[in-house]
Amino acid sequence: MKKIKITYWITTAIVSLMMTYSAYAYVTQDAVQKGFQHLGFPSYFRVELAIAKLIGVVLLLAPVNSRIKEWGYAGFTITFISACAAHIAAGDPVSAPITAGIFLILLMVSYFSYHKLQNSVQA
């Protein structure tokens, strides 16, 4: 039980920190704006995605209902899969989609350990 809790918090913290940093970078760094242009996304999408990422972080970290927390996990899953697809379609180096894939794996570990914790509490 303790290992599952540690695994959950470490993976959730890593994903949350990454999403918080990327949300910040989306609205403050010119290089990120150029990256969005390179991927073919409109400029306003950066701001929308930054706000969505911050909401997702709150949902992952706050003690909210399981159904609500699922929306955070679903949103980040879509974000990571979309990032992989966008980088591949743009012909970016392999490191870009692999990075998104690594964060997707961390998110999955967080998700499954969260559900193991929930099931152990209910039992």
PDB file of N, CA and C in Angstrom:
ATOM      1  N   MET A   1       0.822  -1.191   0.000  1.00  0.00           N
ATOM      2  CA  MET A   1       0.000   0.000   0.000  1.00  0.00           C
ATOM      3  C   MET A   1       0.865   1.255   0.000  1.00  0.00           C
ATOM      4  N   LYS A   2       1.933   1.250   0.820  1.00  0.00           N
ATOM      5  CA  LYS A   2       2.792   2.413   0.914  1.00  0.00           C
ATOM      6  C   LYS A   2       3.530   2.644  -0.410  1.00  0.00           C
ATOM      7  N   LYS A   3       3.964   1.560  -1.059  1.00  0.00           N
ATOM      8  CA  LYS A   3       4.655   1.684  -2.348  1.00  0.00           C
ATOM      9  C   LYS A   3       3.725   2.281  -3.398  1.00  0.00           C
ATOM     10  N   ILE A   4       2.484   1.873  -3.372  1.00  0.00           N
ATOM     11  CA  ILE A   4       1.514   2.384  -4.346  1.00  0.00           C
ATOM     12  C   ILE A   4       1.289   3.873  -4.115  1.00  0.00           C
ATOM     13  N   LYS A   5       1.175   4.264  -2.864  1.00  0.00           N
ATOM     14  CA  LYS A   5       0.962   5.679  -2.544  1.00  0.00           C
ATOM     15  C   LYS A   5       2.161   6.526  -2.969  1.00  0.00           C
ATOM     16  N   ILE A   6       3.363   6.032  -2.724  1.00  0.00           N
ATOM     17  CA  ILE A   6       4.578   6.750  -3.128  1.00  0.00           C
ATOM     18  C   ILE A   6       4.648   6.845  -4.651  1.00  0.00           C
ATOM     19  N   THR A   7       4.366   5.734  -5.321  1.00  0.00           N
ATOM     20  CA  THR A   7       4.366   5.721  -6.787  1.00  0.00           C
ATOM     21  C   THR A   7       3.357   6.726  -7.332  1.00  0.00           C
ATOM     22  N   TYR A   8       2.161   6.730  -6.751  1.00  0.00           N
ATOM     23  CA  TYR A   8       1.127   7.652  -7.188  1.00  0.00           C
ATOM     24  C   TYR A   8       1.587   9.102  -7.055  1.00  0.00           C
ATOM     25  N   TRP A   9       2.114   9.464  -5.885  1.00  0.00           N
ATOM     26  CA  TRP A   9       2.461  10.860  -5.653  1.00  0.00           C
ATOM     27  C   TRP A   9       3.667  11.298  -6.462  1.00  0.00           C
ATOM     28  N   ILE A  10       4.636  10.417  -6.651  1.00  0.00           N
ATOM     29  CA  ILE A  10       5.809  10.791  -7.454  1.00  0.00           C
ATOM     30  C   ILE A  10       5.415  11.006  -8.906  1.00  0.00           C
ATOM     31  N   THR A  11       4.678  10.060  -9.491  1.00  0.00           N
ATOM     32  CA  THR A  11       4.299  10.202 -10.897  1.00  0.00           C
ATOM     33  C   THR A  11       3.329  11.362 -11.102  1.00  0.00           C
ATOM     34  N   THR A  12       2.413  11.536 -10.189  1.00  0.00           N
ATOM     35  CA  THR A  12       1.465  12.643 -10.292  1.00  0.00           C
ATOM     36  C   THR A  12       2.187  13.979 -10.157  1.00  0.00           C
ATOM     37  N   ALA A  13       3.146  14.060  -9.257  1.00  0.00           N
ATOM     38  CA  ALA A  13       3.912  15.295  -9.075  1.00  0.00           C
ATOM     39  C   ALA A  13       4.742  15.621 -10.313  1.00  0.00           C
ATOM     40  N   ILE A  14       5.370  14.608 -10.904  1.00  0.00           N
ATOM     41  CA  ILE A  14       6.179  14.844 -12.109  1.00  0.00           C
ATOM     42  C   ILE A  14       5.298  15.368 -13.244  1.00  0.00           C
ATOM     43  N   VAL A  15       4.179  14.701 -13.487  1.00  0.00           N
ATOM     44  CA  VAL A  15       3.272  15.134 -14.555  1.00  0.00           C
ATOM     45  C   VAL A  15       2.735  16.537 -14.250  1.00  0.00           C
ATOM     46  N   SER A  16       2.343  16.773 -13.021  1.00  0.00           N
ATOM     47  CA  SER A  16       1.785  18.079 -12.648  1.00  0.00           C
ATOM     48  C   SER A  16       2.810  19.194 -12.790  1.00  0.00           C
ATOM     49  N   LEU A  17       4.033  18.950 -12.365  1.00  0.00           N
ATOM     50  CA  LEU A  17       5.083  19.952 -12.508  1.00  0.00           C
ATOM     51  C   LEU A  17       5.369  20.243 -13.981  1.00  0.00           C
ATOM     52  N   MET A  18       5.417  19.197 -14.792  1.00  0.00           N
ATOM     53  CA  MET A  18       5.659  19.387 -16.219  1.00  0.00           C
ATOM     54  C   MET A  18       4.527  20.174 -16.874  1.00  0.00           C
ATOM     55  N   MET A  19       3.300  19.850 -16.526  1.00  0.00           N
ATOM     56  CA  MET A  19       2.165  20.546 -17.122  1.00  0.00           C
ATOM     57  C   MET A  19       2.092  21.998 -16.651  1.00  0.00           C
ATOM     58  N   THR A  20       2.432  22.249 -15.398  1.00  0.00           N
ATOM     59  CA  THR A  20       2.450  23.622 -14.889  1.00  0.00           C
ATOM     60  C   THR A  20       3.533  24.430 -15.591  1.00  0.00           C
ATOM     61  N   TYR A  21       4.720  23.837 -15.720  1.00  0.00           N
ATOM     62  CA  TYR A  21       5.792  24.543 -16.419  1.00  0.00           C
ATOM     63  C   TYR A  21       5.422  24.799 -17.880  1.00  0.00           C
ATOM     64  N   SER A  22       4.864  23.801 -18.555  1.00  0.00           N
ATOM     65  CA  SER A  22       4.539  24.002 -19.970  1.00  0.00           C
ATOM     66  C   SER A  22       3.435  25.051 -20.135  1.00  0.00           C
ATOM     67  N   ALA A  23       2.467  25.084 -19.225  1.00  0.00           N
ATOM     68  CA  ALA A  23       1.431  26.117 -19.284  1.00  0.00           C
ATOM     69  C   ALA A  23       2.063  27.503 -19.145  1.00  0.00           C
ATOM     70  N   TYR A  24       2.993  27.631 -18.233  1.00  0.00           N
ATOM     71  CA  TYR A  24       3.712  28.898 -18.048  1.00  0.00           C
ATOM     72  C   TYR A  24       4.495  29.258 -19.306  1.00  0.00           C
ATOM     73  N   ALA A  25       5.202  28.289 -19.861  1.00  0.00           N
ATOM     74  CA  ALA A  25       6.005  28.530 -21.063  1.00  0.00           C
ATOM     75  C   ALA A  25       5.131  28.901 -22.252  1.00  0.00           C
ATOM     76  N   TYR A  26       3.957  28.309 -22.334  1.00  0.00           N
ATOM     77  CA  TYR A  26       3.056  28.602 -23.454  1.00  0.00           C
ATOM     78  C   TYR A  26       2.697  30.082 -23.541  1.00  0.00           C
ATOM     79  N   VAL A  27       2.596  30.741 -22.408  1.00  0.00           N
ATOM     80  CA  VAL A  27       2.171  32.145 -22.426  1.00  0.00           C
ATOM     81  C   VAL A  27       3.316  33.136 -22.226  1.00  0.00           C
ATOM     82  N   THR A  28       4.536  32.662 -21.971  1.00  0.00           N
ATOM     83  CA  THR A  28       5.625  33.591 -21.686  1.00  0.00           C
ATOM     84  C   THR A  28       6.815  33.483 -22.634  1.00  0.00           C
ATOM     85  N   GLN A  29       6.963  32.390 -23.358  1.00  0.00           N
ATOM     86  CA  GLN A  29       8.180  32.190 -24.148  1.00  0.00           C
ATOM     87  C   GLN A  29       7.913  32.291 -25.648  1.00  0.00           C
ATOM     88  N   ASP A  30       8.700  33.125 -26.292  1.00  0.00           N
ATOM     89  CA  ASP A  30       8.568  33.307 -27.742  1.00  0.00           C
ATOM     90  C   ASP A  30       8.896  32.027 -28.502  1.00  0.00           C
ATOM     91  N   ALA A  31       9.840  31.237 -27.978  1.00  0.00           N
ATOM     92  CA  ALA A  31      10.216  29.993 -28.657  1.00  0.00           C
ATOM     93  C   ALA A  31       9.038  29.026 -28.723  1.00  0.00           C
ATOM     94  N   VAL A  32       8.230  29.020 -27.686  1.00  0.00           N
ATOM     95  CA  VAL A  32       7.052  28.149 -27.681  1.00  0.00           C
ATOM     96  C   VAL A  32       6.034  28.641 -28.700  1.00  0.00           C
ATOM     97  N   GLN A  33       5.883  29.941 -28.804  1.00  0.00           N
ATOM     98  CA  GLN A  33       4.970  30.507 -29.799  1.00  0.00           C
ATOM     99  C   GLN A  33       5.414  30.107 -31.205  1.00  0.00           C
ATOM    100  N   LYS A  34       6.709  30.167 -31.456  1.00  0.00           N
ATOM    101  CA  LYS A  34       7.233  29.752 -32.763  1.00  0.00           C
ATOM    102  C   LYS A  34       7.031  28.252 -32.972  1.00  0.00           C
ATOM    103  N   GLY A  35       7.159  27.489 -31.898  1.00  0.00           N
ATOM    104  CA  GLY A  35       6.924  26.046 -31.988  1.00  0.00           C
ATOM    105  C   GLY A  35       5.485  25.727 -32.370  1.00  0.00           C
ATOM    106  N   PHE A  36       4.549  26.467 -31.825  1.00  0.00           N
ATOM    107  CA  PHE A  36       3.138  26.274 -32.179  1.00  0.00           C
ATOM    108  C   PHE A  36       2.898  26.630 -33.642  1.00  0.00           C
ATOM    109  N   GLN A  37       3.554  27.685 -34.118  1.00  0.00           N
ATOM    110  CA  GLN A  37       3.437  28.050 -35.531  1.00  0.00           C
ATOM    111  C   GLN A  37       4.015  26.943 -36.406  1.00  0.00           C
ATOM    112  N   HIS A  38       5.151  26.386 -35.989  1.00  0.00           N
ATOM    113  CA  HIS A  38       5.790  25.291 -36.719  1.00  0.00           C
ATOM    114  C   HIS A  38       4.859  24.079 -36.828  1.00  0.00           C
ATOM    115  N   LEU A  39       4.115  23.828 -35.765  1.00  0.00           N
ATOM    116  CA  LEU A  39       3.186  22.690 -35.768  1.00  0.00           C
ATOM    117  C   LEU A  39       1.892  23.001 -36.515  1.00  0.00           C
ATOM    118  N   GLY A  40       1.692  24.265 -36.862  1.00  0.00           N
ATOM    119  CA  GLY A  40       0.513  24.644 -37.629  1.00  0.00           C
ATOM    120  C   GLY A  40      -0.696  25.022 -36.789  1.00  0.00           C
ATOM    121  N   PHE A  41      -0.474  25.313 -35.504  1.00  0.00           N
ATOM    122  CA  PHE A  41      -1.566  25.684 -34.622  1.00  0.00           C
ATOM    123  C   PHE A  41      -1.707  27.200 -34.560  1.00  0.00           C
ATOM    124  N   PRO A  42      -2.923  27.707 -34.405  1.00  0.00           N
ATOM    125  CA  PRO A  42      -3.096  29.152 -34.251  1.00  0.00           C
ATOM    126  C   PRO A  42      -2.571  29.619 -32.888  1.00  0.00           C
ATOM    127  N   SER A  43      -2.219  30.884 -32.812  1.00  0.00           N
ATOM    128  CA  SER A  43      -1.617  31.430 -31.600  1.00  0.00           C
ATOM    129  C   SER A  43      -2.546  31.328 -30.385  1.00  0.00           C
ATOM    130  N   TYR A  44      -3.845  31.542 -30.598  1.00  0.00           N
ATOM    131  CA  TYR A  44      -4.769  31.506 -29.456  1.00  0.00           C
ATOM    132  C   TYR A  44      -4.853  30.114 -28.824  1.00  0.00           C
ATOM    133  N   PHE A  45      -4.500  29.075 -29.583  1.00  0.00           N
ATOM    134  CA  PHE A  45      -4.569  27.713 -29.054  1.00  0.00           C
ATOM    135  C   PHE A  45      -3.584  27.518 -27.903  1.00  0.00           C
ATOM    136  N   ARG A  46      -2.458  28.234 -27.945  1.00  0.00           N
ATOM    137  CA  ARG A  46      -1.489  28.153 -26.844  1.00  0.00           C
ATOM    138  C   ARG A  46      -2.127  28.555 -25.527  1.00  0.00           C
ATOM    139  N   VAL A  47      -2.868  29.657 -25.554  1.00  0.00           N
ATOM    140  CA  VAL A  47      -3.487  30.171 -24.333  1.00  0.00           C
ATOM    141  C   VAL A  47      -4.562  29.207 -23.838  1.00  0.00           C
ATOM    142  N   GLU A  48      -5.383  28.724 -24.756  1.00  0.00           N
ATOM    143  CA  GLU A  48      -6.417  27.753 -24.373  1.00  0.00           C
ATOM    144  C   GLU A  48      -5.799  26.510 -23.746  1.00  0.00           C
ATOM    145  N   LEU A  49      -4.738  26.010 -24.383  1.00  0.00           N
ATOM    146  CA  LEU A  49      -4.090  24.807 -23.875  1.00  0.00           C
ATOM    147  C   LEU A  49      -3.420  25.058 -22.526  1.00  0.00           C
ATOM    148  N   ALA A  50      -2.845  26.236 -22.345  1.00  0.00           N
ATOM    149  CA  ALA A  50      -2.229  26.574 -21.055  1.00  0.00           C
ATOM    150  C   ALA A  50      -3.270  26.575 -19.947  1.00  0.00           C
ATOM    151  N   ILE A  51      -4.420  27.177 -20.197  1.00  0.00           N
ATOM    152  CA  ILE A  51      -5.494  27.209 -19.197  1.00  0.00           C
ATOM    153  C   ILE A  51      -5.998  25.794 -18.905  1.00  0.00           C
ATOM    154  N   ALA A  52      -6.180  24.998 -19.958  1.00  0.00           N
ATOM    155  CA  ALA A  52      -6.653  23.619 -19.780  1.00  0.00           C
ATOM    156  C   ALA A  52      -5.653  22.802 -18.971  1.00  0.00           C
ATOM    157  N   LYS A  53      -4.370  23.022 -19.204  1.00  0.00           N
ATOM    158  CA  LYS A  53      -3.353  22.285 -18.449  1.00  0.00           C
ATOM    159  C   LYS A  53      -3.387  22.656 -16.970  1.00  0.00           C
ATOM    160  N   LEU A  54      -3.563  23.940 -16.670  1.00  0.00           N
ATOM    161  CA  LEU A  54      -3.635  24.347 -15.263  1.00  0.00           C
ATOM    162  C   LEU A  54      -4.872  23.768 -14.582  1.00  0.00           C
ATOM    163  N   ILE A  55      -5.983  23.735 -15.282  1.00  0.00           N
ATOM    164  CA  ILE A  55      -7.195  23.112 -14.731  1.00  0.00           C
ATOM    165  C   ILE A  55      -6.943  21.629 -14.493  1.00  0.00           C
ATOM    166  N   GLY A  56      -6.284  20.970 -15.440  1.00  0.00           N
ATOM    167  CA  GLY A  56      -5.972  19.549 -15.287  1.00  0.00           C
ATOM    168  C   GLY A  56      -5.082  19.273 -14.095  1.00  0.00           C
ATOM    169  N   VAL A  57      -4.096  20.132 -13.869  1.00  0.00           N
ATOM    170  CA  VAL A  57      -3.219  19.969 -12.707  1.00  0.00           C
ATOM    171  C   VAL A  57      -4.026  20.066 -11.415  1.00  0.00           C
ATOM    172  N   VAL A  58      -4.911  21.040 -11.344  1.00  0.00           N
ATOM    173  CA  VAL A  58      -5.757  21.186 -10.156  1.00  0.00           C
ATOM    174  C   VAL A  58      -6.591  19.919  -9.956  1.00  0.00           C
ATOM    175  N   LEU A  59      -7.155  19.385 -11.041  1.00  0.00           N
ATOM    176  CA  LEU A  59      -7.972  18.182 -10.928  1.00  0.00           C
ATOM    177  C   LEU A  59      -7.160  16.984 -10.456  1.00  0.00           C
ATOM    178  N   LEU A  60      -5.916  16.869 -10.906  1.00  0.00           N
ATOM    179  CA  LEU A  60      -5.089  15.744 -10.466  1.00  0.00           C
ATOM    180  C   LEU A  60      -4.680  15.867  -9.009  1.00  0.00           C
ATOM    181  N   LEU A  61      -4.423  17.074  -8.559  1.00  0.00           N
ATOM    182  CA  LEU A  61      -3.878  17.253  -7.207  1.00  0.00           C
ATOM    183  C   LEU A  61      -4.933  17.484  -6.125  1.00  0.00           C
ATOM    184  N   ALA A  62      -6.062  18.024  -6.489  1.00  0.00           N
ATOM    185  CA  ALA A  62      -7.085  18.344  -5.489  1.00  0.00           C
ATOM    186  C   ALA A  62      -7.847  17.089  -5.071  1.00  0.00           C
ATOM    187  N   PRO A  63      -8.299  17.070  -3.827  1.00  0.00           N
ATOM    188  CA  PRO A  63      -9.100  15.926  -3.369  1.00  0.00           C
ATOM    189  C   PRO A  63     -10.545  16.050  -3.858  1.00  0.00           C
ATOM    190  N   VAL A  64     -10.723  15.797  -5.151  1.00  0.00           N
ATOM    191  CA  VAL A  64     -12.043  15.904  -5.763  1.00  0.00           C
ATOM    192  C   VAL A  64     -12.610  14.513  -6.012  1.00  0.00           C
ATOM    193  N   ASN A  65     -13.883  14.490  -6.346  1.00  0.00           N
ATOM    194  CA  ASN A  65     -14.575  13.247  -6.672  1.00  0.00           C
ATOM    195  C   ASN A  65     -13.831  12.509  -7.781  1.00  0.00           C
ATOM    196  N   SER A  66     -13.822  11.177  -7.714  1.00  0.00           N
ATOM    197  CA  SER A  66     -13.132  10.353  -8.711  1.00  0.00           C
ATOM    198  C   SER A  66     -13.575  10.653 -10.136  1.00  0.00           C
ATOM    199  N   ARG A  67     -14.856  10.855 -10.331  1.00  0.00           N
ATOM    200  CA  ARG A  67     -15.354  11.128 -11.689  1.00  0.00           C
ATOM    201  C   ARG A  67     -14.783  12.424 -12.241  1.00  0.00           C
ATOM    202  N   ILE A  68     -14.631  13.404 -11.392  1.00  0.00           N
ATOM    203  CA  ILE A  68     -14.069  14.684 -11.830  1.00  0.00           C
ATOM    204  C   ILE A  68     -12.578  14.518 -12.127  1.00  0.00           C
ATOM    205  N   LYS A  69     -11.877  13.781 -11.268  1.00  0.00           N
ATOM    206  CA  LYS A  69     -10.449  13.536 -11.469  1.00  0.00           C
ATOM    207  C   LYS A  69     -10.201  12.801 -12.782  1.00  0.00           C
ATOM    208  N   GLU A  70     -11.132  11.948 -13.180  1.00  0.00           N
ATOM    209  CA  GLU A  70     -11.016  11.223 -14.455  1.00  0.00           C
ATOM    210  C   GLU A  70     -10.910  12.186 -15.631  1.00  0.00           C
ATOM    211  N   TRP A  71     -11.583  13.337 -15.542  1.00  0.00           N
ATOM    212  CA  TRP A  71     -11.525  14.319 -16.623  1.00  0.00           C
ATOM    213  C   TRP A  71     -10.111  14.876 -16.769  1.00  0.00           C
ATOM    214  N   GLY A  72      -9.422  15.058 -15.674  1.00  0.00           N
ATOM    215  CA  GLY A  72      -8.030  15.508 -15.740  1.00  0.00           C
ATOM    216  C   GLY A  72      -7.149  14.484 -16.423  1.00  0.00           C
ATOM    217  N   TYR A  73      -7.307  13.226 -16.029  1.00  0.00           N
ATOM    218  CA  TYR A  73      -6.538  12.164 -16.669  1.00  0.00           C
ATOM    219  C   TYR A  73      -6.871  12.052 -18.157  1.00  0.00           C
ATOM    220  N   ALA A  74      -8.154  12.140 -18.499  1.00  0.00           N
ATOM    221  CA  ALA A  74      -8.563  12.043 -19.898  1.00  0.00           C
ATOM    222  C   ALA A  74      -7.985  13.201 -20.709  1.00  0.00           C
ATOM    223  N   GLY A  75      -8.057  14.393 -20.166  1.00  0.00           N
ATOM    224  CA  GLY A  75      -7.539  15.560 -20.868  1.00  0.00           C
ATOM    225  C   GLY A  75      -6.044  15.465 -21.128  1.00  0.00           C
ATOM    226  N   PHE A  76      -5.289  15.026 -20.128  1.00  0.00           N
ATOM    227  CA  PHE A  76      -3.849  14.897 -20.316  1.00  0.00           C
ATOM    228  C   PHE A  76      -3.515  13.755 -21.272  1.00  0.00           C
ATOM    229  N   THR A  77      -4.293  12.691 -21.243  1.00  0.00           N
ATOM    230  CA  THR A  77      -4.078  11.597 -22.198  1.00  0.00           C
ATOM    231  C   THR A  77      -4.241  12.102 -23.625  1.00  0.00           C
ATOM    232  N   ILE A  78      -5.308  12.844 -23.858  1.00  0.00           N
ATOM    233  CA  ILE A  78      -5.541  13.417 -25.193  1.00  0.00           C
ATOM    234  C   ILE A  78      -4.415  14.380 -25.556  1.00  0.00           C
ATOM    235  N   THR A  79      -3.970  15.173 -24.605  1.00  0.00           N
ATOM    236  CA  THR A  79      -2.890  16.130 -24.850  1.00  0.00           C
ATOM    237  C   THR A  79      -1.610  15.426 -25.271  1.00  0.00           C
ATOM    238  N   PHE A  80      -1.225  14.375 -24.548  1.00  0.00           N
ATOM    239  CA  PHE A  80       0.028  13.673 -24.857  1.00  0.00           C
ATOM    240  C   PHE A  80      -0.054  12.934 -26.186  1.00  0.00           C
ATOM    241  N   ILE A  81      -1.177  12.296 -26.454  1.00  0.00           N
ATOM    242  CA  ILE A  81      -1.335  11.595 -27.739  1.00  0.00           C
ATOM    243  C   ILE A  81      -1.331  12.603 -28.881  1.00  0.00           C
ATOM    244  N   SER A  82      -2.016  13.723 -28.695  1.00  0.00           N
ATOM    245  CA  SER A  82      -2.042  14.764 -29.721  1.00  0.00           C
ATOM    246  C   SER A  82      -0.651  15.363 -29.945  1.00  0.00           C
ATOM    247  N   ALA A  83       0.103  15.531 -28.876  1.00  0.00           N
ATOM    248  CA  ALA A  83       1.465  16.054 -29.011  1.00  0.00           C
ATOM    249  C   ALA A  83       2.333  15.099 -29.829  1.00  0.00           C
ATOM    250  N   CYS A  84       2.212  13.810 -29.556  1.00  0.00           N
ATOM    251  CA  CYS A  84       2.960  12.815 -30.346  1.00  0.00           C
ATOM    252  C   CYS A  84       2.591  12.928 -31.818  1.00  0.00           C
ATOM    253  N   ALA A  85       1.305  12.949 -32.102  1.00  0.00           N
ATOM    254  CA  ALA A  85       0.836  13.010 -33.484  1.00  0.00           C
ATOM    255  C   ALA A  85       1.288  14.291 -34.174  1.00  0.00           C
ATOM    256  N   ALA A  86       1.195  15.427 -33.478  1.00  0.00           N
ATOM    257  CA  ALA A  86       1.578  16.712 -34.075  1.00  0.00           C
ATOM    258  C   ALA A  86       3.064  16.749 -34.402  1.00  0.00           C
ATOM    259  N   HIS A  87       3.897  16.251 -33.502  1.00  0.00           N
ATOM    260  CA  HIS A  87       5.341  16.264 -33.743  1.00  0.00           C
ATOM    261  C   HIS A  87       5.732  15.308 -34.870  1.00  0.00           C
ATOM    262  N   ILE A  88       5.087  14.170 -34.923  1.00  0.00           N
ATOM    263  CA  ILE A  88       5.363  13.231 -36.015  1.00  0.00           C
ATOM    264  C   ILE A  88       4.931  13.830 -37.344  1.00  0.00           C
ATOM    265  N   ALA A  89       3.732  14.420 -37.380  1.00  0.00           N
ATOM    266  CA  ALA A  89       3.217  15.011 -38.622  1.00  0.00           C
ATOM    267  C   ALA A  89       4.077  16.182 -39.093  1.00  0.00           C
ATOM    268  N   ALA A  90       4.674  16.913 -38.155  1.00  0.00           N
ATOM    269  CA  ALA A  90       5.509  18.062 -38.510  1.00  0.00           C
ATOM    270  C   ALA A  90       6.924  17.642 -38.903  1.00  0.00           C
ATOM    271  N   GLY A  91       7.229  16.357 -38.751  1.00  0.00           N
ATOM    272  CA  GLY A  91       8.562  15.865 -39.102  1.00  0.00           C
ATOM    273  C   GLY A  91       9.628  16.232 -38.090  1.00  0.00           C
ATOM    274  N   ASP A  92       9.226  16.450 -36.859  1.00  0.00           N
ATOM    275  CA  ASP A  92      10.181  16.797 -35.809  1.00  0.00           C
ATOM    276  C   ASP A  92      11.065  15.603 -35.465  1.00  0.00           C
ATOM    277  N   PRO A  93      12.203  15.870 -34.805  1.00  0.00           N
ATOM    278  CA  PRO A  93      13.077  14.769 -34.391  1.00  0.00           C
ATOM    279  C   PRO A  93      12.332  13.791 -33.488  1.00  0.00           C
ATOM    280  N   VAL A  94      12.802  12.571 -33.455  1.00  0.00           N
ATOM    281  CA  VAL A  94      12.149  11.502 -32.699  1.00  0.00           C
ATOM    282  C   VAL A  94      12.032  11.836 -31.217  1.00  0.00           C
ATOM    283  N   SER A  95      12.926  12.662 -30.704  1.00  0.00           N
ATOM    284  CA  SER A  95      12.901  12.990 -29.271  1.00  0.00           C
ATOM    285  C   SER A  95      11.615  13.691 -28.860  1.00  0.00           C
ATOM    286  N   ALA A  96      11.013  14.455 -29.759  1.00  0.00           N
ATOM    287  CA  ALA A  96       9.788  15.190 -29.401  1.00  0.00           C
ATOM    288  C   ALA A  96       8.615  14.264 -29.119  1.00  0.00           C
ATOM    289  N   PRO A  97       8.257  13.348 -30.035  1.00  0.00           N
ATOM    290  CA  PRO A  97       7.153  12.449 -29.707  1.00  0.00           C
ATOM    291  C   PRO A  97       7.502  11.459 -28.594  1.00  0.00           C
ATOM    292  N   ILE A  98       8.768  11.109 -28.473  1.00  0.00           N
ATOM    293  CA  ILE A  98       9.163  10.184 -27.396  1.00  0.00           C
ATOM    294  C   ILE A  98       8.969  10.842 -26.040  1.00  0.00           C
ATOM    295  N   THR A  99       9.290  12.134 -25.938  1.00  0.00           N
ATOM    296  CA  THR A  99       9.097  12.852 -24.674  1.00  0.00           C
ATOM    297  C   THR A  99       7.621  12.842 -24.275  1.00  0.00           C
ATOM    298  N   ALA A 100       6.747  13.132 -25.235  1.00  0.00           N
ATOM    299  CA  ALA A 100       5.310  13.083 -24.942  1.00  0.00           C
ATOM    300  C   ALA A 100       4.887  11.671 -24.546  1.00  0.00           C
ATOM    301  N   GLY A 101       5.462  10.674 -25.191  1.00  0.00           N
ATOM    302  CA  GLY A 101       5.158   9.280 -24.851  1.00  0.00           C
ATOM    303  C   GLY A 101       5.602   8.909 -23.448  1.00  0.00           C
ATOM    304  N   ILE A 102       6.747   9.413 -23.030  1.00  0.00           N
ATOM    305  CA  ILE A 102       7.240   9.147 -21.670  1.00  0.00           C
ATOM    306  C   ILE A 102       6.284   9.749 -20.640  1.00  0.00           C
ATOM    307  N   PHE A 103       5.829  10.971 -20.907  1.00  0.00           N
ATOM    308  CA  PHE A 103       4.888  11.591 -19.969  1.00  0.00           C
ATOM    309  C   PHE A 103       3.536  10.875 -19.986  1.00  0.00           C
ATOM    310  N   LEU A 104       3.154  10.314 -21.127  1.00  0.00           N
ATOM    311  CA  LEU A 104       1.928   9.511 -21.182  1.00  0.00           C
ATOM    312  C   LEU A 104       2.074   8.269 -20.304  1.00  0.00           C
ATOM    313  N   ILE A 105       3.228   7.647 -20.342  1.00  0.00           N
ATOM    314  CA  ILE A 105       3.479   6.470 -19.495  1.00  0.00           C
ATOM    315  C   ILE A 105       3.433   6.861 -18.018  1.00  0.00           C
ATOM    316  N   LEU A 106       4.066   7.971 -17.659  1.00  0.00           N
ATOM    317  CA  LEU A 106       4.005   8.442 -16.265  1.00  0.00           C
ATOM    318  C   LEU A 106       2.567   8.719 -15.840  1.00  0.00           C
ATOM    319  N   LEU A 107       1.797   9.314 -16.742  1.00  0.00           N
ATOM    320  CA  LEU A 107       0.387   9.580 -16.450  1.00  0.00           C
ATOM    321  C   LEU A 107      -0.376   8.274 -16.236  1.00  0.00           C
ATOM    322  N   MET A 108      -0.087   7.274 -17.044  1.00  0.00           N
ATOM    323  CA  MET A 108      -0.763   5.980 -16.902  1.00  0.00           C
ATOM    324  C   MET A 108      -0.414   5.326 -15.566  1.00  0.00           C
ATOM    325  N   VAL A 109       0.841   5.424 -15.171  1.00  0.00           N
ATOM    326  CA  VAL A 109       1.252   4.869 -13.868  1.00  0.00           C
ATOM    327  C   VAL A 109       0.514   5.595 -12.750  1.00  0.00           C
ATOM    328  N   SER A 110       0.419   6.920 -12.853  1.00  0.00           N
ATOM    329  CA  SER A 110      -0.332   7.695 -11.870  1.00  0.00           C
ATOM    330  C   SER A 110      -1.789   7.241 -11.829  1.00  0.00           C
ATOM    331  N   TYR A 111      -2.386   7.112 -13.001  1.00  0.00           N
ATOM    332  CA  TYR A 111      -3.795   6.727 -13.114  1.00  0.00           C
ATOM    333  C   TYR A 111      -4.057   5.361 -12.471  1.00  0.00           C
ATOM    334  N   PHE A 112      -3.259   4.371 -12.836  1.00  0.00           N
ATOM    335  CA  PHE A 112      -3.491   3.025 -12.311  1.00  0.00           C
ATOM    336  C   PHE A 112      -3.178   2.931 -10.818  1.00  0.00           C
ATOM    337  N   SER A 113      -2.156   3.654 -10.352  1.00  0.00           N
ATOM    338  CA  SER A 113      -1.877   3.632  -8.915  1.00  0.00           C
ATOM    339  C   SER A 113      -2.967   4.378  -8.144  1.00  0.00           C
ATOM    340  N   TYR A 114      -3.526   5.438  -8.740  1.00  0.00           N
ATOM    341  CA  TYR A 114      -4.655   6.137  -8.111  1.00  0.00           C
ATOM    342  C   TYR A 114      -5.822   5.171  -7.911  1.00  0.00           C
ATOM    343  N   HIS A 115      -6.132   4.390  -8.941  1.00  0.00           N
ATOM    344  CA  HIS A 115      -7.251   3.453  -8.829  1.00  0.00           C
ATOM    345  C   HIS A 115      -6.957   2.317  -7.853  1.00  0.00           C
ATOM    346  N   LYS A 116      -5.705   1.895  -7.765  1.00  0.00           N
ATOM    347  CA  LYS A 116      -5.357   0.886  -6.757  1.00  0.00           C
ATOM    348  C   LYS A 116      -5.562   1.456  -5.348  1.00  0.00           C
ATOM    349  N   LEU A 117      -5.174   2.696  -5.153  1.00  0.00           N
ATOM    350  CA  LEU A 117      -5.389   3.334  -3.857  1.00  0.00           C
ATOM    351  C   LEU A 117      -6.879   3.459  -3.538  1.00  0.00           C
ATOM    352  N   GLN A 118      -7.664   3.874  -4.516  1.00  0.00           N
ATOM    353  CA  GLN A 118      -9.108   4.011  -4.320  1.00  0.00           C
ATOM    354  C   GLN A 118      -9.746   2.660  -3.977  1.00  0.00           C
ATOM    355  N   ASN A 119      -9.330   1.612  -4.665  1.00  0.00           N
ATOM    356  CA  ASN A 119      -9.890   0.279  -4.402  1.00  0.00           C
ATOM    357  C   ASN A 119      -9.489  -0.236  -3.024  1.00  0.00           C
ATOM    358  N   SER A 120      -8.281   0.092  -2.569  1.00  0.00           N
ATOM    359  CA  SER A 120      -7.858  -0.370  -1.247  1.00  0.00           C
ATOM    360  C   SER A 120      -8.587   0.390  -0.139  1.00  0.00           C
ATOM    361  N   VAL A 121      -8.963   1.632  -0.386  1.00  0.00           N
ATOM    362  CA  VAL A 121      -9.706   2.418   0.596  1.00  0.00           C
ATOM    363  C   VAL A 121     -11.131   1.892   0.721  1.00  0.00           C
ATOM    364  N   GLN A 122     -11.721   1.522  -0.415  1.00  0.00           N
ATOM    365  CA  GLN A 122     -13.105   1.039  -0.425  1.00  0.00           C
ATOM    366  C   GLN A 122     -13.241  -0.370   0.124  1.00  0.00           C
ATOM    367  N   ALA A 123     -12.155  -1.136   0.081  1.00  0.00           N
ATOM    368  CA  ALA A 123     -12.228  -2.525   0.528  1.00  0.00           C
ATOM    369  C   ALA A 123     -12.276  -2.664   2.028  1.00  0.00           C
TER     370      ALA A 123
END
